[in-house]
Each structure stands twice: as C-alpha cells, then as structure tokens.
N, C-alpha and C. Protein backbone atom coordinates (compact mmCIF):
# COMPACT_ATOMS: atom_id res chain seq x y z
N MET A 1 128.31 103.03 106.12
CA MET A 1 127.01 102.36 106.23
C MET A 1 127.27 100.87 106.38
N THR A 2 126.94 100.33 107.53
CA THR A 2 127.18 98.91 107.78
C THR A 2 126.13 98.03 107.10
N THR A 3 124.87 98.47 107.15
CA THR A 3 123.81 97.72 106.50
C THR A 3 123.58 98.28 105.11
N ARG A 4 123.69 97.41 104.11
CA ARG A 4 123.38 97.86 102.74
C ARG A 4 121.88 97.78 102.53
N ARG A 5 121.30 98.89 102.09
CA ARG A 5 119.85 98.97 101.89
C ARG A 5 119.54 99.48 100.50
N ILE A 6 118.44 98.99 99.96
CA ILE A 6 117.93 99.49 98.69
C ILE A 6 116.42 99.66 98.81
N ILE A 7 115.90 100.66 98.12
CA ILE A 7 114.46 100.90 98.09
C ILE A 7 113.93 100.37 96.76
N ILE A 8 112.88 99.59 96.83
CA ILE A 8 112.17 99.15 95.63
C ILE A 8 110.80 99.82 95.64
N GLY A 9 110.54 100.60 94.61
CA GLY A 9 109.24 101.22 94.44
C GLY A 9 108.50 100.51 93.32
N ILE A 10 107.22 100.31 93.50
CA ILE A 10 106.38 99.75 92.43
C ILE A 10 105.23 100.73 92.23
N SER A 11 105.16 101.29 91.03
CA SER A 11 104.07 102.24 90.75
C SER A 11 103.03 101.57 89.85
N GLY A 12 102.07 102.34 89.39
CA GLY A 12 100.89 101.75 88.76
C GLY A 12 100.97 101.45 87.29
N ALA A 13 102.15 101.57 86.68
CA ALA A 13 102.27 101.23 85.26
C ALA A 13 102.09 99.73 85.06
N SER A 14 101.74 99.35 83.84
CA SER A 14 101.70 97.93 83.51
C SER A 14 103.09 97.34 83.70
N GLY A 15 103.15 96.13 84.25
CA GLY A 15 104.44 95.48 84.46
C GLY A 15 104.78 95.29 85.92
N PHE A 16 103.76 95.02 86.73
CA PHE A 16 103.98 94.76 88.15
C PHE A 16 105.02 93.66 88.36
N GLN A 17 105.11 92.76 87.39
CA GLN A 17 106.04 91.63 87.48
C GLN A 17 107.49 92.10 87.61
N TYR A 18 107.82 93.28 87.06
CA TYR A 18 109.19 93.78 87.17
C TYR A 18 109.55 94.05 88.63
N GLY A 19 108.64 94.63 89.37
CA GLY A 19 108.89 94.90 90.77
C GLY A 19 109.03 93.62 91.58
N VAL A 20 108.16 92.67 91.31
CA VAL A 20 108.23 91.39 92.02
C VAL A 20 109.55 90.69 91.70
N LYS A 21 109.96 90.73 90.45
CA LYS A 21 111.21 90.07 90.07
C LYS A 21 112.40 90.73 90.77
N ALA A 22 112.37 92.06 90.91
CA ALA A 22 113.44 92.74 91.64
C ALA A 22 113.50 92.24 93.08
N LEU A 23 112.36 92.11 93.71
CA LEU A 23 112.31 91.61 95.08
C LEU A 23 112.84 90.17 95.16
N GLU A 24 112.45 89.34 94.19
CA GLU A 24 112.90 87.94 94.18
C GLU A 24 114.41 87.83 93.99
N LEU A 25 114.96 88.65 93.08
CA LEU A 25 116.39 88.59 92.82
C LEU A 25 117.21 89.14 93.99
N LEU A 26 116.65 90.08 94.72
CA LEU A 26 117.36 90.67 95.86
C LEU A 26 117.29 89.78 97.10
N LYS A 27 116.30 88.91 97.17
CA LYS A 27 116.05 88.12 98.39
C LYS A 27 117.29 87.35 98.86
N PRO A 28 118.02 86.65 97.99
CA PRO A 28 119.18 85.90 98.48
C PRO A 28 120.42 86.76 98.73
N MET A 29 120.37 88.03 98.35
CA MET A 29 121.52 88.91 98.53
C MET A 29 121.54 89.49 99.95
N ASP A 30 122.71 89.91 100.35
CA ASP A 30 122.87 90.51 101.68
C ASP A 30 122.51 92.00 101.62
N ILE A 31 121.24 92.27 101.30
CA ILE A 31 120.74 93.63 101.13
C ILE A 31 119.43 93.75 101.91
N GLU A 32 119.29 94.84 102.64
CA GLU A 32 118.02 95.12 103.31
C GLU A 32 117.10 95.83 102.32
N VAL A 33 115.97 95.21 102.03
CA VAL A 33 115.08 95.72 100.98
C VAL A 33 113.87 96.42 101.61
N HIS A 34 113.68 97.68 101.20
CA HIS A 34 112.54 98.49 101.65
C HIS A 34 111.60 98.66 100.46
N LEU A 35 110.35 98.32 100.65
CA LEU A 35 109.35 98.33 99.58
C LEU A 35 108.30 99.40 99.83
N VAL A 36 107.97 100.13 98.77
CA VAL A 36 106.83 101.05 98.81
C VAL A 36 106.07 100.89 97.49
N MET A 37 104.76 100.66 97.59
CA MET A 37 103.90 100.47 96.42
C MET A 37 102.84 101.55 96.37
N SER A 38 102.60 102.08 95.18
CA SER A 38 101.54 103.07 95.02
C SER A 38 100.17 102.39 95.01
N LYS A 39 99.13 103.19 95.13
CA LYS A 39 97.77 102.64 95.05
C LYS A 39 97.51 102.05 93.66
N GLY A 40 98.07 102.69 92.63
CA GLY A 40 97.93 102.16 91.28
C GLY A 40 98.60 100.81 91.12
N ALA A 41 99.72 100.61 91.84
CA ALA A 41 100.41 99.32 91.79
C ALA A 41 99.53 98.21 92.34
N GLU A 42 98.77 98.53 93.36
CA GLU A 42 97.86 97.53 93.93
C GLU A 42 96.81 97.12 92.90
N VAL A 43 96.38 98.08 92.10
CA VAL A 43 95.39 97.80 91.05
C VAL A 43 96.01 96.89 89.98
N THR A 44 97.21 97.24 89.50
CA THR A 44 97.83 96.43 88.45
C THR A 44 98.22 95.05 88.98
N ARG A 45 98.60 94.96 90.25
CA ARG A 45 98.88 93.64 90.83
C ARG A 45 97.67 92.73 90.68
N ALA A 46 96.50 93.26 91.02
CA ALA A 46 95.28 92.45 90.95
C ALA A 46 94.87 92.16 89.51
N MET A 47 95.10 93.11 88.61
CA MET A 47 94.68 92.94 87.21
C MET A 47 95.62 92.04 86.41
N GLU A 48 96.93 92.16 86.66
CA GLU A 48 97.92 91.53 85.79
C GLU A 48 98.53 90.24 86.34
N THR A 49 98.39 90.02 87.64
CA THR A 49 99.10 88.87 88.22
C THR A 49 98.18 88.08 89.15
N ASP A 50 98.69 86.95 89.59
CA ASP A 50 97.99 86.13 90.58
C ASP A 50 98.61 86.32 91.97
N TYR A 51 99.57 87.24 92.10
CA TYR A 51 100.20 87.49 93.40
C TYR A 51 99.20 88.12 94.36
N THR A 52 99.22 87.67 95.59
CA THR A 52 98.47 88.36 96.64
C THR A 52 99.37 89.44 97.22
N ARG A 53 98.76 90.40 97.87
CA ARG A 53 99.55 91.46 98.53
C ARG A 53 100.51 90.83 99.54
N GLN A 54 100.05 89.84 100.28
CA GLN A 54 100.89 89.20 101.30
C GLN A 54 102.12 88.52 100.69
N GLN A 55 101.94 87.89 99.53
CA GLN A 55 103.07 87.24 98.86
C GLN A 55 104.13 88.27 98.47
N VAL A 56 103.69 89.42 98.02
CA VAL A 56 104.63 90.46 97.57
C VAL A 56 105.36 91.05 98.76
N ILE A 57 104.63 91.45 99.79
CA ILE A 57 105.30 92.11 100.91
C ILE A 57 106.21 91.16 101.69
N ALA A 58 105.95 89.86 101.58
CA ALA A 58 106.81 88.88 102.25
C ALA A 58 108.21 88.85 101.64
N LEU A 59 108.36 89.37 100.44
CA LEU A 59 109.66 89.38 99.76
C LEU A 59 110.56 90.53 100.21
N ALA A 60 110.00 91.50 100.94
CA ALA A 60 110.77 92.66 101.39
C ALA A 60 111.08 92.54 102.87
N ASP A 61 112.13 93.22 103.29
CA ASP A 61 112.48 93.25 104.72
C ASP A 61 111.58 94.24 105.47
N GLN A 62 111.29 95.36 104.82
CA GLN A 62 110.39 96.34 105.42
C GLN A 62 109.48 96.89 104.34
N VAL A 63 108.22 97.07 104.70
CA VAL A 63 107.22 97.61 103.77
C VAL A 63 106.69 98.91 104.37
N HIS A 64 106.63 99.94 103.53
CA HIS A 64 106.21 101.26 103.97
C HIS A 64 104.92 101.65 103.27
N ALA A 65 103.98 102.18 104.03
CA ALA A 65 102.71 102.63 103.46
C ALA A 65 102.93 103.84 102.57
N ILE A 66 102.25 103.87 101.45
CA ILE A 66 102.41 104.94 100.46
C ILE A 66 102.12 106.32 101.05
N GLY A 67 101.23 106.39 102.01
CA GLY A 67 100.88 107.68 102.59
C GLY A 67 101.71 108.10 103.78
N ASN A 68 102.67 107.27 104.18
CA ASN A 68 103.47 107.55 105.38
C ASN A 68 104.66 108.43 105.04
N LEU A 69 104.43 109.74 104.98
CA LEU A 69 105.51 110.66 104.64
C LEU A 69 106.49 110.85 105.79
N GLY A 70 106.20 110.29 106.94
CA GLY A 70 107.13 110.33 108.06
C GLY A 70 108.01 109.10 108.15
N ALA A 71 107.94 108.23 107.15
CA ALA A 71 108.74 107.00 107.15
C ALA A 71 110.23 107.32 107.04
N THR A 72 111.06 106.34 107.38
CA THR A 72 112.51 106.52 107.30
C THR A 72 112.96 106.93 105.91
N LEU A 73 112.27 106.44 104.88
CA LEU A 73 112.66 106.73 103.50
C LEU A 73 112.53 108.21 103.15
N SER A 74 111.82 108.97 103.98
CA SER A 74 111.62 110.40 103.73
C SER A 74 112.80 111.25 104.14
N SER A 75 113.79 110.64 104.77
CA SER A 75 114.93 111.41 105.26
C SER A 75 116.23 110.98 104.60
N GLY A 76 117.02 111.97 104.22
CA GLY A 76 118.33 111.69 103.65
C GLY A 76 119.30 111.09 104.65
N SER A 77 119.01 111.24 105.94
CA SER A 77 119.89 110.67 106.95
C SER A 77 119.74 109.15 107.04
N PHE A 78 118.67 108.62 106.43
CA PHE A 78 118.50 107.17 106.35
C PHE A 78 119.26 106.69 105.13
N LYS A 79 120.40 106.05 105.35
CA LYS A 79 121.33 105.72 104.27
C LYS A 79 120.85 104.52 103.44
N THR A 80 120.81 104.71 102.14
CA THR A 80 120.49 103.63 101.21
C THR A 80 121.44 103.68 100.03
N MET A 81 121.47 102.59 99.26
CA MET A 81 122.23 102.57 98.01
C MET A 81 121.52 103.39 96.95
N GLY A 82 120.22 103.52 97.13
CA GLY A 82 119.41 104.21 96.14
C GLY A 82 118.07 103.52 95.99
N MET A 83 117.44 103.77 94.85
CA MET A 83 116.07 103.31 94.64
C MET A 83 115.86 102.86 93.21
N LEU A 84 115.18 101.75 93.07
CA LEU A 84 114.73 101.24 91.77
C LEU A 84 113.20 101.29 91.78
N ILE A 85 112.62 101.97 90.78
CA ILE A 85 111.17 101.96 90.63
C ILE A 85 110.85 101.10 89.42
N ALA A 86 110.18 99.97 89.69
CA ALA A 86 109.94 98.97 88.66
C ALA A 86 108.53 98.40 88.79
N PRO A 87 107.64 98.75 87.90
CA PRO A 87 107.79 99.72 86.83
C PRO A 87 107.54 101.14 87.35
N CYS A 88 107.88 102.10 86.52
CA CYS A 88 107.64 103.50 86.86
C CYS A 88 106.61 104.07 85.88
N SER A 89 105.50 104.52 86.42
CA SER A 89 104.44 105.11 85.58
C SER A 89 104.83 106.51 85.14
N MET A 90 104.15 107.02 84.13
CA MET A 90 104.39 108.38 83.68
C MET A 90 103.95 109.39 84.74
N ASN A 91 102.95 109.03 85.54
CA ASN A 91 102.54 109.91 86.63
C ASN A 91 103.66 110.04 87.66
N SER A 92 104.23 108.91 88.06
CA SER A 92 105.34 108.95 89.02
C SER A 92 106.54 109.66 88.43
N LEU A 93 106.85 109.39 87.18
CA LEU A 93 107.96 110.07 86.51
C LEU A 93 107.76 111.59 86.54
N GLY A 94 106.55 112.04 86.19
CA GLY A 94 106.27 113.47 86.18
C GLY A 94 106.42 114.10 87.55
N CYS A 95 105.93 113.41 88.56
CA CYS A 95 106.06 113.92 89.93
C CYS A 95 107.52 114.01 90.36
N ILE A 96 108.30 112.98 90.02
CA ILE A 96 109.72 112.98 90.37
C ILE A 96 110.45 114.09 89.63
N ALA A 97 110.14 114.26 88.35
CA ALA A 97 110.80 115.29 87.54
C ALA A 97 110.56 116.69 88.09
N HIS A 98 109.41 116.89 88.72
CA HIS A 98 109.05 118.23 89.20
C HIS A 98 109.01 118.31 90.73
N SER A 99 109.64 117.34 91.39
CA SER A 99 109.77 117.33 92.86
C SER A 99 108.43 117.45 93.57
N LEU A 100 107.41 116.77 93.03
CA LEU A 100 106.09 116.73 93.66
C LEU A 100 106.06 115.49 94.55
N THR A 101 106.11 115.70 95.83
CA THR A 101 106.34 114.59 96.76
C THR A 101 105.13 114.36 97.66
N SER A 102 103.99 114.13 97.05
CA SER A 102 102.75 113.98 97.82
C SER A 102 102.54 112.56 98.34
N ASN A 103 103.39 111.61 97.95
CA ASN A 103 103.33 110.26 98.51
C ASN A 103 104.74 109.76 98.79
N LEU A 104 104.85 108.65 99.49
CA LEU A 104 106.17 108.18 99.92
C LEU A 104 107.03 107.71 98.75
N LEU A 105 106.42 107.17 97.71
CA LEU A 105 107.21 106.72 96.57
C LEU A 105 107.95 107.89 95.92
N THR A 106 107.24 108.98 95.64
CA THR A 106 107.89 110.13 94.99
C THR A 106 108.78 110.88 95.98
N ARG A 107 108.42 110.90 97.26
CA ARG A 107 109.28 111.54 98.26
C ARG A 107 110.60 110.78 98.39
N ALA A 108 110.53 109.46 98.45
CA ALA A 108 111.76 108.66 98.56
C ALA A 108 112.65 108.88 97.34
N ALA A 109 112.06 108.94 96.16
CA ALA A 109 112.84 109.20 94.95
C ALA A 109 113.49 110.58 95.01
N ASP A 110 112.75 111.56 95.49
CA ASP A 110 113.27 112.91 95.62
C ASP A 110 114.46 112.94 96.59
N VAL A 111 114.35 112.21 97.69
CA VAL A 111 115.44 112.14 98.67
C VAL A 111 116.67 111.50 98.04
N VAL A 112 116.47 110.42 97.29
CA VAL A 112 117.58 109.75 96.63
C VAL A 112 118.31 110.72 95.69
N LEU A 113 117.56 111.51 94.94
CA LEU A 113 118.18 112.47 94.03
C LEU A 113 118.92 113.57 94.79
N LYS A 114 118.31 114.10 95.82
CA LYS A 114 118.95 115.20 96.54
C LYS A 114 120.20 114.75 97.27
N GLU A 115 120.25 113.49 97.66
CA GLU A 115 121.42 112.94 98.34
C GLU A 115 122.46 112.40 97.35
N ARG A 116 122.17 112.55 96.06
CA ARG A 116 123.08 112.11 94.98
C ARG A 116 123.34 110.60 95.04
N ARG A 117 122.26 109.89 95.33
CA ARG A 117 122.32 108.43 95.28
C ARG A 117 121.73 107.94 93.96
N ARG A 118 121.78 106.66 93.71
CA ARG A 118 121.36 106.10 92.44
C ARG A 118 119.84 105.94 92.39
N LEU A 119 119.22 106.54 91.37
CA LEU A 119 117.78 106.37 91.11
C LEU A 119 117.62 105.79 89.72
N VAL A 120 116.99 104.62 89.63
CA VAL A 120 116.77 103.96 88.35
C VAL A 120 115.27 103.78 88.16
N LEU A 121 114.77 104.31 87.05
CA LEU A 121 113.34 104.26 86.76
C LEU A 121 113.09 103.37 85.55
N MET A 122 112.41 102.25 85.78
CA MET A 122 112.02 101.38 84.68
C MET A 122 110.69 101.88 84.13
N VAL A 123 110.79 102.93 83.32
CA VAL A 123 109.58 103.61 82.81
C VAL A 123 108.86 102.72 81.81
N ARG A 124 107.53 102.72 81.92
CA ARG A 124 106.70 101.83 81.10
C ARG A 124 105.58 102.64 80.46
N GLU A 125 105.77 102.97 79.21
CA GLU A 125 104.74 103.63 78.42
C GLU A 125 105.16 103.61 76.97
N THR A 126 104.19 103.53 76.07
CA THR A 126 104.49 103.64 74.66
C THR A 126 103.19 103.90 73.90
N PRO A 127 103.19 104.74 72.89
CA PRO A 127 104.27 105.64 72.52
C PRO A 127 104.41 106.77 73.54
N LEU A 128 105.48 107.53 73.40
CA LEU A 128 105.75 108.61 74.33
C LEU A 128 105.33 109.95 73.73
N ASN A 129 104.75 110.81 74.58
CA ASN A 129 104.50 112.17 74.10
C ASN A 129 105.64 113.07 74.56
N LEU A 130 105.61 114.33 74.14
CA LEU A 130 106.73 115.22 74.42
C LEU A 130 106.90 115.47 75.92
N SER A 131 105.81 115.50 76.65
CA SER A 131 105.90 115.68 78.11
C SER A 131 106.65 114.52 78.76
N HIS A 132 106.36 113.29 78.33
CA HIS A 132 107.08 112.12 78.86
C HIS A 132 108.58 112.25 78.59
N ILE A 133 108.92 112.61 77.36
CA ILE A 133 110.32 112.72 76.96
C ILE A 133 111.02 113.84 77.74
N ASN A 134 110.33 114.96 77.90
CA ASN A 134 110.91 116.07 78.67
C ASN A 134 111.11 115.69 80.13
N ASN A 135 110.17 114.95 80.69
CA ASN A 135 110.32 114.51 82.08
C ASN A 135 111.49 113.54 82.23
N MET A 136 111.68 112.67 81.23
CA MET A 136 112.83 111.77 81.26
C MET A 136 114.13 112.56 81.19
N ARG A 137 114.14 113.57 80.35
CA ARG A 137 115.35 114.41 80.25
C ARG A 137 115.61 115.12 81.57
N THR A 138 114.57 115.66 82.18
CA THR A 138 114.73 116.37 83.45
C THR A 138 115.30 115.46 84.52
N VAL A 139 114.74 114.25 84.65
CA VAL A 139 115.24 113.31 85.66
C VAL A 139 116.68 112.93 85.36
N THR A 140 117.02 112.74 84.10
CA THR A 140 118.40 112.42 83.71
C THR A 140 119.33 113.55 84.10
N GLU A 141 118.93 114.78 83.85
CA GLU A 141 119.75 115.93 84.21
C GLU A 141 119.90 116.06 85.73
N MET A 142 118.95 115.54 86.47
CA MET A 142 119.01 115.56 87.93
C MET A 142 119.88 114.42 88.48
N GLY A 143 120.31 113.52 87.62
CA GLY A 143 121.18 112.43 88.05
C GLY A 143 120.52 111.06 88.04
N GLY A 144 119.22 111.00 87.72
CA GLY A 144 118.53 109.72 87.64
C GLY A 144 118.87 108.98 86.36
N ILE A 145 118.52 107.71 86.32
CA ILE A 145 118.75 106.88 85.14
C ILE A 145 117.41 106.36 84.64
N ILE A 146 117.13 106.63 83.39
CA ILE A 146 115.91 106.13 82.75
C ILE A 146 116.25 104.78 82.12
N PHE A 147 115.52 103.75 82.56
CA PHE A 147 115.84 102.39 82.13
C PHE A 147 114.57 101.68 81.69
N PRO A 148 114.10 101.97 80.47
CA PRO A 148 112.92 101.23 79.99
C PRO A 148 113.23 99.73 79.91
N PRO A 149 112.32 98.88 80.33
CA PRO A 149 112.58 97.45 80.29
C PRO A 149 112.44 96.89 78.87
N VAL A 150 113.42 97.20 78.05
CA VAL A 150 113.42 96.77 76.65
C VAL A 150 114.08 95.40 76.58
N PRO A 151 113.39 94.40 76.03
CA PRO A 151 113.97 93.05 76.00
C PRO A 151 115.25 92.98 75.18
N ALA A 152 116.18 92.15 75.64
CA ALA A 152 117.38 91.83 74.87
C ALA A 152 117.23 90.40 74.39
N PHE A 153 117.39 90.19 73.10
CA PHE A 153 117.15 88.85 72.55
C PHE A 153 118.42 88.06 72.29
N TYR A 154 119.60 88.67 72.51
CA TYR A 154 120.84 87.91 72.34
C TYR A 154 120.93 86.77 73.35
N GLN A 155 120.17 86.86 74.43
CA GLN A 155 120.16 85.79 75.44
C GLN A 155 119.29 84.60 75.02
N ARG A 156 118.59 84.73 73.88
CA ARG A 156 117.70 83.68 73.39
C ARG A 156 116.68 83.28 74.47
N PRO A 157 115.85 84.22 74.93
CA PRO A 157 114.90 83.91 76.00
C PRO A 157 113.93 82.81 75.58
N LYS A 158 113.60 81.97 76.53
CA LYS A 158 112.67 80.88 76.26
C LYS A 158 111.33 81.09 76.95
N SER A 159 111.24 82.13 77.76
CA SER A 159 109.99 82.39 78.47
C SER A 159 109.88 83.88 78.79
N LEU A 160 108.69 84.28 79.17
CA LEU A 160 108.47 85.65 79.62
C LEU A 160 109.31 85.93 80.86
N ASP A 161 109.43 84.95 81.73
CA ASP A 161 110.24 85.13 82.92
C ASP A 161 111.71 85.40 82.58
N ASP A 162 112.23 84.76 81.54
CA ASP A 162 113.60 85.03 81.10
C ASP A 162 113.76 86.50 80.72
N ILE A 163 112.77 87.04 80.02
CA ILE A 163 112.83 88.43 79.56
C ILE A 163 112.77 89.38 80.75
N VAL A 164 111.84 89.14 81.66
CA VAL A 164 111.68 89.99 82.84
C VAL A 164 112.94 89.92 83.71
N THR A 165 113.44 88.72 83.92
CA THR A 165 114.64 88.54 84.75
C THR A 165 115.82 89.28 84.17
N HIS A 166 116.00 89.20 82.86
CA HIS A 166 117.14 89.86 82.24
C HIS A 166 117.04 91.38 82.38
N SER A 167 115.86 91.94 82.14
CA SER A 167 115.69 93.39 82.27
C SER A 167 115.97 93.86 83.69
N VAL A 168 115.40 93.17 84.65
CA VAL A 168 115.58 93.58 86.05
C VAL A 168 117.02 93.34 86.49
N GLY A 169 117.61 92.25 86.05
CA GLY A 169 119.00 91.98 86.38
C GLY A 169 119.93 93.07 85.87
N ARG A 170 119.67 93.55 84.66
CA ARG A 170 120.48 94.64 84.11
C ARG A 170 120.27 95.93 84.90
N ALA A 171 119.05 96.17 85.37
CA ALA A 171 118.79 97.35 86.20
C ALA A 171 119.55 97.24 87.52
N LEU A 172 119.59 96.04 88.11
CA LEU A 172 120.32 95.85 89.37
C LEU A 172 121.82 95.98 89.17
N ASP A 173 122.31 95.70 87.96
CA ASP A 173 123.73 95.94 87.65
C ASP A 173 124.12 97.39 87.95
N LEU A 174 123.19 98.30 87.74
CA LEU A 174 123.47 99.72 87.94
C LEU A 174 123.70 100.07 89.40
N PHE A 175 123.36 99.16 90.30
CA PHE A 175 123.64 99.32 91.73
C PHE A 175 124.83 98.46 92.16
N ASP A 176 125.53 97.90 91.18
CA ASP A 176 126.62 96.95 91.46
C ASP A 176 126.12 95.75 92.25
N LEU A 177 124.95 95.27 91.85
CA LEU A 177 124.35 94.08 92.45
C LEU A 177 124.18 93.02 91.36
N PRO A 178 125.25 92.33 91.03
CA PRO A 178 125.16 91.35 89.94
C PRO A 178 124.28 90.16 90.29
N VAL A 179 123.45 89.77 89.34
CA VAL A 179 122.59 88.61 89.48
C VAL A 179 123.34 87.39 88.94
N PRO A 180 123.51 86.35 89.75
CA PRO A 180 124.24 85.16 89.28
C PRO A 180 123.57 84.55 88.03
N ASP A 181 124.39 84.12 87.11
CA ASP A 181 123.95 83.42 85.90
C ASP A 181 123.11 84.28 84.96
N LEU A 182 123.17 85.59 85.10
CA LEU A 182 122.45 86.46 84.17
C LEU A 182 123.16 86.41 82.82
N PRO A 183 122.44 86.03 81.74
CA PRO A 183 123.10 85.97 80.43
C PRO A 183 123.61 87.35 80.00
N ARG A 184 124.83 87.38 79.50
CA ARG A 184 125.44 88.64 79.07
C ARG A 184 125.97 88.50 77.65
N TRP A 185 126.07 89.64 76.98
CA TRP A 185 126.58 89.65 75.61
C TRP A 185 127.97 89.03 75.59
N GLY A 186 128.16 88.11 74.66
CA GLY A 186 129.46 87.46 74.52
C GLY A 186 129.59 86.17 75.31
N ASP A 187 128.60 85.87 76.15
CA ASP A 187 128.66 84.62 76.92
C ASP A 187 128.46 83.40 76.04
N ARG A 188 127.71 83.57 74.96
CA ARG A 188 127.39 82.45 74.08
C ARG A 188 128.21 82.58 72.81
N GLU A 189 128.95 81.54 72.49
CA GLU A 189 129.78 81.57 71.28
C GLU A 189 128.89 81.37 70.06
N ILE A 190 129.04 82.27 69.10
CA ILE A 190 128.23 82.19 67.86
C ILE A 190 129.05 81.44 66.82
N THR A 191 128.43 80.42 66.24
CA THR A 191 129.12 79.61 65.23
C THR A 191 129.18 80.36 63.91
N ASP A 192 130.12 79.92 63.04
CA ASP A 192 130.24 80.51 61.70
C ASP A 192 128.92 80.37 60.93
N GLN A 193 128.25 79.22 61.08
CA GLN A 193 127.00 78.97 60.37
C GLN A 193 125.94 79.98 60.80
N GLU A 194 125.87 80.29 62.10
CA GLU A 194 124.90 81.27 62.59
C GLU A 194 125.20 82.65 62.04
N GLN A 195 126.49 82.99 61.91
CA GLN A 195 126.88 84.29 61.40
C GLN A 195 126.46 84.46 59.94
N ILE A 196 126.53 83.36 59.18
CA ILE A 196 126.20 83.42 57.75
C ILE A 196 124.70 83.54 57.56
N SER A 197 123.93 82.82 58.37
CA SER A 197 122.48 82.79 58.15
C SER A 197 121.77 83.96 58.77
C-alpha cells in the first residue's frame, strides 16, 4: 500500500471533540484521512461544540456520506490502516458487535474487522449495563480494541484540551501514529518531596 489511509468515524455519543481532535492530530501527518459521521454525530456537534460542519469536514482528505454503502470504505479491497471511531456510541458498538451494517460507519468497521485490520472504539457511556459489556467483549473477541477515553492525570493536564489530546494521542499510538510531544509516563521526573507528600 503506497498511500497510508485511516478511517475516522464519529458517532452520536457525547464527546464530538474526540473525533475533531483525531482529525487535527492527523492533519500534519502523511496519512490520507477518510471521515464518516453518523446523523447522531451531527446532532452532538451542534449541541456540544461551536464547530460548523464545514470546519470539521475541511480537516479530512475525503468525507463519505453516512448512507453511501457503495463508498470505497465498504470494500476490503480499499486498503486502510484501520479505523478509529471517536467517540463510539453504544448504538454503534452494538451494531458493530452484531455485524449490523445499515450505515457506512458500521459497514466500514465491519470491513476493518473482516480484513483483520485495526479497529479502535473510543466508547462513551457510563454506567454500563450488561449488554454494553457483552458487546465490548464480542468486539474484543473479533479483534477490535475498546478504548474508553479515560483521562490520565500523570501528565498534569492544565486544560480540557490537554485531556482530550492525550486520550486521542494514546488511541493513535495503537496505529503506530505517534503524536509529537504527547506526555508519557516517566517523561516528568518526580522529586523526593513529591513522593513523600
């Protein structure tokens, strides 16, 4: 594969900012980014952020309509590194777990799994019921990675953007796409005084 490609899916869970941050972090990289957003994602974009649709789609190289099941992403012959869904709703998780491919987001995820490529789901829900947990187990057994965006505080975040960036950066690590200057465990030397207190 000469062109490195990744699919970014944004579903309707709270946390539209995770998807935008993934697009922003990928922009300077030599990666062709394909974006697909669910109808629910459009709702959360308007409710949770000040981003316009045009601002978001400008961050991707190609944007695919959620209803276009004939898109390139629907075929395993279209080579990609895999797919990150950020955030991933419980509805999308359930559809992926049971191979229900009625829209392009879940079809693309299904293709990634069947082709044994990397699928990372930044699932966003709390608390979890047994169906959510079982669906996470099913996707894991199928080869997907469940990656809830749980904040890491060893980086001493100073803003919400620091927290979002760190979570998304760690998710991109799973595709071997390191984000420059991403704080990592052990990067900061802890003084004896800090250890005592």
